[in-house]
Amino acid sequence: MLFLVAALLLLGVALGSVAHAPLPVTLVAAVVIGVWLMVFAVRERRAGRRS
């Protein structure tokens, strides 16, 4: 749950900075956040299958 809160906090910070950042920086940040969330989802799915 703490990871979800951290992800939402980072998303809020990223969305706030989008208005001031150039498009390439915004796209790179979006890709990084997306990959991080995908890794988190895969880890959670694997952990759910084990128990």
PDB file of N, CA and C in Angstrom:
ATOM      1  N   MET A   1       0.826  -1.199   0.000  1.00  0.00           N
ATOM      2  CA  MET A   1       0.000   0.000   0.000  1.00  0.00           C
ATOM      3  C   MET A   1       0.871   1.264   0.000  1.00  0.00           C
ATOM      4  N   LEU A   2       1.975   1.179   0.702  1.00  0.00           N
ATOM      5  CA  LEU A   2       2.879   2.326   0.747  1.00  0.00           C
ATOM      6  C   LEU A   2       3.438   2.633  -0.635  1.00  0.00           C
ATOM      7  N   PHE A   3       3.697   1.577  -1.422  1.00  0.00           N
ATOM      8  CA  PHE A   3       4.195   1.780  -2.782  1.00  0.00           C
ATOM      9  C   PHE A   3       3.152   2.486  -3.643  1.00  0.00           C
ATOM     10  N   LEU A   4       1.886   2.164  -3.444  1.00  0.00           N
ATOM     11  CA  LEU A   4       0.827   2.817  -4.205  1.00  0.00           C
ATOM     12  C   LEU A   4       0.760   4.308  -3.868  1.00  0.00           C
ATOM     13  N   VAL A   5       0.875   4.612  -2.604  1.00  0.00           N
ATOM     14  CA  VAL A   5       0.865   6.018  -2.183  1.00  0.00           C
ATOM     15  C   VAL A   5       2.062   6.753  -2.788  1.00  0.00           C
ATOM     16  N   ALA A   6       3.223   6.098  -2.774  1.00  0.00           N
ATOM     17  CA  ALA A   6       4.415   6.724  -3.358  1.00  0.00           C
ATOM     18  C   ALA A   6       4.239   6.933  -4.864  1.00  0.00           C
ATOM     19  N   ALA A   7       3.634   5.951  -5.540  1.00  0.00           N
ATOM     20  CA  ALA A   7       3.404   6.084  -6.981  1.00  0.00           C
ATOM     21  C   ALA A   7       2.457   7.246  -7.270  1.00  0.00           C
ATOM     22  N   LEU A   8       1.410   7.364  -6.493  1.00  0.00           N
ATOM     23  CA  LEU A   8       0.467   8.468  -6.701  1.00  0.00           C
ATOM     24  C   LEU A   8       1.118   9.814  -6.398  1.00  0.00           C
ATOM     25  N   LEU A   9       1.967   9.852  -5.385  1.00  0.00           N
ATOM     26  CA  LEU A   9       2.670  11.088  -5.062  1.00  0.00           C
ATOM     27  C   LEU A   9       3.606  11.484  -6.198  1.00  0.00           C
ATOM     28  N   LEU A  10       4.356  10.515  -6.722  1.00  0.00           N
ATOM     29  CA  LEU A  10       5.244  10.799  -7.852  1.00  0.00           C
ATOM     30  C   LEU A  10       4.456  11.224  -9.082  1.00  0.00           C
ATOM     31  N   LEU A  11       3.303  10.598  -9.291  1.00  0.00           N
ATOM     32  CA  LEU A  11       2.469  10.981 -10.423  1.00  0.00           C
ATOM     33  C   LEU A  11       1.996  12.426 -10.278  1.00  0.00           C
ATOM     34  N   GLY A  12       1.603  12.806  -9.090  1.00  0.00           N
ATOM     35  CA  GLY A  12       1.174  14.185  -8.850  1.00  0.00           C
ATOM     36  C   GLY A  12       2.292  15.186  -9.090  1.00  0.00           C
ATOM     37  N   VAL A  13       3.489  14.839  -8.636  1.00  0.00           N
ATOM     38  CA  VAL A  13       4.641  15.717  -8.860  1.00  0.00           C
ATOM     39  C   VAL A  13       4.947  15.801 -10.350  1.00  0.00           C
ATOM     40  N   ALA A  14       4.898  14.651 -11.034  1.00  0.00           N
ATOM     41  CA  ALA A  14       5.180  14.646 -12.474  1.00  0.00           C
ATOM     42  C   ALA A  14       4.145  15.458 -13.237  1.00  0.00           C
ATOM     43  N   LEU A  15       2.881  15.311 -12.880  1.00  0.00           N
ATOM     44  CA  LEU A  15       1.837  16.067 -13.584  1.00  0.00           C
ATOM     45  C   LEU A  15       1.965  17.565 -13.313  1.00  0.00           C
ATOM     46  N   GLY A  16       2.406  17.912 -12.124  1.00  0.00           N
ATOM     47  CA  GLY A  16       2.600  19.320 -11.802  1.00  0.00           C
ATOM     48  C   GLY A  16       3.743  19.931 -12.596  1.00  0.00           C
ATOM     49  N   SER A  17       4.762  19.114 -12.846  1.00  0.00           N
ATOM     50  CA  SER A  17       5.924  19.645 -13.570  1.00  0.00           C
ATOM     51  C   SER A  17       5.749  19.584 -15.082  1.00  0.00           C
ATOM     52  N   VAL A  18       4.744  18.872 -15.550  1.00  0.00           N
ATOM     53  CA  VAL A  18       4.527  18.747 -16.990  1.00  0.00           C
ATOM     54  C   VAL A  18       4.277  20.112 -17.627  1.00  0.00           C
ATOM     55  N   ALA A  19       3.624  20.979 -16.913  1.00  0.00           N
ATOM     56  CA  ALA A  19       3.313  22.300 -17.468  1.00  0.00           C
ATOM     57  C   ALA A  19       4.572  23.131 -17.712  1.00  0.00           C
ATOM     58  N   HIS A  20       5.664  22.801 -17.018  1.00  0.00           N
ATOM     59  CA  HIS A  20       6.880  23.605 -17.126  1.00  0.00           C
ATOM     60  C   HIS A  20       8.009  22.875 -17.844  1.00  0.00           C
ATOM     61  N   ALA A  21       7.846  21.592 -18.082  1.00  0.00           N
ATOM     62  CA  ALA A  21       8.925  20.799 -18.686  1.00  0.00           C
ATOM     63  C   ALA A  21       8.714  20.691 -20.203  1.00  0.00           C
ATOM     64  N   PRO A  22       9.799  20.582 -20.938  1.00  0.00           N
ATOM     65  CA  PRO A  22       9.676  20.364 -22.387  1.00  0.00           C
ATOM     66  C   PRO A  22       9.085  18.979 -22.673  1.00  0.00           C
ATOM     67  N   LEU A  23       8.534  18.822 -23.844  1.00  0.00           N
ATOM     68  CA  LEU A  23       7.871  17.569 -24.211  1.00  0.00           C
ATOM     69  C   LEU A  23       8.781  16.347 -24.110  1.00  0.00           C
ATOM     70  N   PRO A  24      10.017  16.361 -24.600  1.00  0.00           N
ATOM     71  CA  PRO A  24      10.854  15.157 -24.480  1.00  0.00           C
ATOM     72  C   PRO A  24      11.092  14.731 -23.024  1.00  0.00           C
ATOM     73  N   VAL A  25      11.277  15.702 -22.134  1.00  0.00           N
ATOM     74  CA  VAL A  25      11.475  15.387 -20.719  1.00  0.00           C
ATOM     75  C   VAL A  25      10.211  14.753 -20.149  1.00  0.00           C
ATOM     76  N   THR A  26       9.073  15.279 -20.517  1.00  0.00           N
ATOM     77  CA  THR A  26       7.798  14.734 -20.061  1.00  0.00           C
ATOM     78  C   THR A  26       7.606  13.308 -20.550  1.00  0.00           C
ATOM     79  N   LEU A  27       7.939  13.040 -21.801  1.00  0.00           N
ATOM     80  CA  LEU A  27       7.780  11.688 -22.343  1.00  0.00           C
ATOM     81  C   LEU A  27       8.717  10.700 -21.671  1.00  0.00           C
ATOM     82  N   VAL A  28       9.946  11.107 -21.407  1.00  0.00           N
ATOM     83  CA  VAL A  28      10.891  10.225 -20.715  1.00  0.00           C
ATOM     84  C   VAL A  28      10.388   9.922 -19.309  1.00  0.00           C
ATOM     85  N   ALA A  29       9.910  10.925 -18.616  1.00  0.00           N
ATOM     86  CA  ALA A  29       9.384  10.713 -17.264  1.00  0.00           C
ATOM     87  C   ALA A  29       8.177   9.779 -17.296  1.00  0.00           C
ATOM     88  N   ALA A  30       7.317   9.937 -18.283  1.00  0.00           N
ATOM     89  CA  ALA A  30       6.144   9.070 -18.399  1.00  0.00           C
ATOM     90  C   ALA A  30       6.551   7.623 -18.649  1.00  0.00           C
ATOM     91  N   VAL A  31       7.554   7.423 -19.474  1.00  0.00           N
ATOM     92  CA  VAL A  31       8.032   6.055 -19.749  1.00  0.00           C
ATOM     93  C   VAL A  31       8.646   5.444 -18.492  1.00  0.00           C
ATOM     94  N   VAL A  32       9.439   6.207 -17.775  1.00  0.00           N
ATOM     95  CA  VAL A  32      10.065   5.701 -16.550  1.00  0.00           C
ATOM     96  C   VAL A  32       9.005   5.312 -15.519  1.00  0.00           C
ATOM     97  N   ILE A  33       8.027   6.154 -15.329  1.00  0.00           N
ATOM     98  CA  ILE A  33       6.959   5.851 -14.370  1.00  0.00           C
ATOM     99  C   ILE A  33       6.162   4.640 -14.826  1.00  0.00           C
ATOM    100  N   GLY A  34       5.869   4.559 -16.111  1.00  0.00           N
ATOM    101  CA  GLY A  34       5.127   3.411 -16.632  1.00  0.00           C
ATOM    102  C   GLY A  34       5.867   2.104 -16.447  1.00  0.00           C
ATOM    103  N   VAL A  35       7.172   2.113 -16.721  1.00  0.00           N
ATOM    104  CA  VAL A  35       7.967   0.895 -16.533  1.00  0.00           C
ATOM    105  C   VAL A  35       8.007   0.508 -15.056  1.00  0.00           C
ATOM    106  N   TRP A  36       8.168   1.496 -14.191  1.00  0.00           N
ATOM    107  CA  TRP A  36       8.200   1.216 -12.752  1.00  0.00           C
ATOM    108  C   TRP A  36       6.874   0.600 -12.298  1.00  0.00           C
ATOM    109  N   LEU A  37       5.778   1.125 -12.773  1.00  0.00           N
ATOM    110  CA  LEU A  37       4.473   0.569 -12.393  1.00  0.00           C
ATOM    111  C   LEU A  37       4.265  -0.831 -12.964  1.00  0.00           C
ATOM    112  N   MET A  38       4.768  -1.091 -14.165  1.00  0.00           N
ATOM    113  CA  MET A  38       4.659  -2.435 -14.736  1.00  0.00           C
ATOM    114  C   MET A  38       5.480  -3.442 -13.933  1.00  0.00           C
ATOM    115  N   VAL A  39       6.682  -3.059 -13.542  1.00  0.00           N
ATOM    116  CA  VAL A  39       7.515  -3.940 -12.709  1.00  0.00           C
ATOM    117  C   VAL A  39       6.813  -4.215 -11.392  1.00  0.00           C
ATOM    118  N   PHE A  40       6.240  -3.190 -10.799  1.00  0.00           N
ATOM    119  CA  PHE A  40       5.513  -3.364  -9.541  1.00  0.00           C
ATOM    120  C   PHE A  40       4.330  -4.315  -9.724  1.00  0.00           C
ATOM    121  N   ALA A  41       3.588  -4.170 -10.805  1.00  0.00           N
ATOM    122  CA  ALA A  41       2.432  -5.037 -11.048  1.00  0.00           C
ATOM    123  C   ALA A  41       2.856  -6.488 -11.238  1.00  0.00           C
ATOM    124  N   VAL A  42       3.949  -6.708 -11.961  1.00  0.00           N
ATOM    125  CA  VAL A  42       4.434  -8.070 -12.173  1.00  0.00           C
ATOM    126  C   VAL A  42       4.889  -8.680 -10.852  1.00  0.00           C
ATOM    127  N   ARG A  43       5.591  -7.911 -10.045  1.00  0.00           N
ATOM    128  CA  ARG A  43       6.031  -8.425  -8.738  1.00  0.00           C
ATOM    129  C   ARG A  43       4.844  -8.759  -7.845  1.00  0.00           C
ATOM    130  N   GLU A  44       3.831  -7.914  -7.852  1.00  0.00           N
ATOM    131  CA  GLU A  44       2.652  -8.174  -7.024  1.00  0.00           C
ATOM    132  C   GLU A  44       1.899  -9.410  -7.511  1.00  0.00           C
ATOM    133  N   ARG A  45       1.818  -9.587  -8.808  1.00  0.00           N
ATOM    134  CA  ARG A  45       1.129 -10.752  -9.357  1.00  0.00           C
ATOM    135  C   ARG A  45       1.868 -12.028  -8.983  1.00  0.00           C
ATOM    136  N   ARG A  46       3.196 -12.007  -9.090  1.00  0.00           N
ATOM    137  CA  ARG A  46       3.986 -13.180  -8.712  1.00  0.00           C
ATOM    138  C   ARG A  46       3.867 -13.477  -7.232  1.00  0.00           C
ATOM    139  N   ALA A  47       3.864 -12.461  -6.411  1.00  0.00           N
ATOM    140  CA  ALA A  47       3.740 -12.639  -4.955  1.00  0.00           C
ATOM    141  C   ALA A  47       2.355 -13.212  -4.611  1.00  0.00           C
ATOM    142  N   GLY A  48       1.342 -12.807  -5.336  1.00  0.00           N
ATOM    143  CA  GLY A  48      -0.014 -13.314  -5.089  1.00  0.00           C
ATOM    144  C   GLY A  48      -0.165 -14.777  -5.442  1.00  0.00           C
ATOM    145  N   ARG A  49       0.563 -15.226  -6.441  1.00  0.00           N
ATOM    146  CA  ARG A  49       0.479 -16.633  -6.838  1.00  0.00           C
ATOM    147  C   ARG A  49       1.185 -17.543  -5.851  1.00  0.00           C
ATOM    148  N   ARG A  50       2.213 -17.050  -5.190  1.00  0.00           N
ATOM    149  CA  ARG A  50       2.986 -17.877  -4.262  1.00  0.00           C
ATOM    150  C   ARG A  50       2.200 -18.218  -3.021  1.00  0.00           C
ATOM    151  N   SER A  51       1.408 -17.297  -2.533  1.00  0.00           N
ATOM    152  CA  SER A  51       0.708 -17.539  -1.256  1.00  0.00           C
ATOM    153  C   SER A  51      -0.681 -18.101  -1.468  1.00  0.00           C
TER     154      SER A  51
END
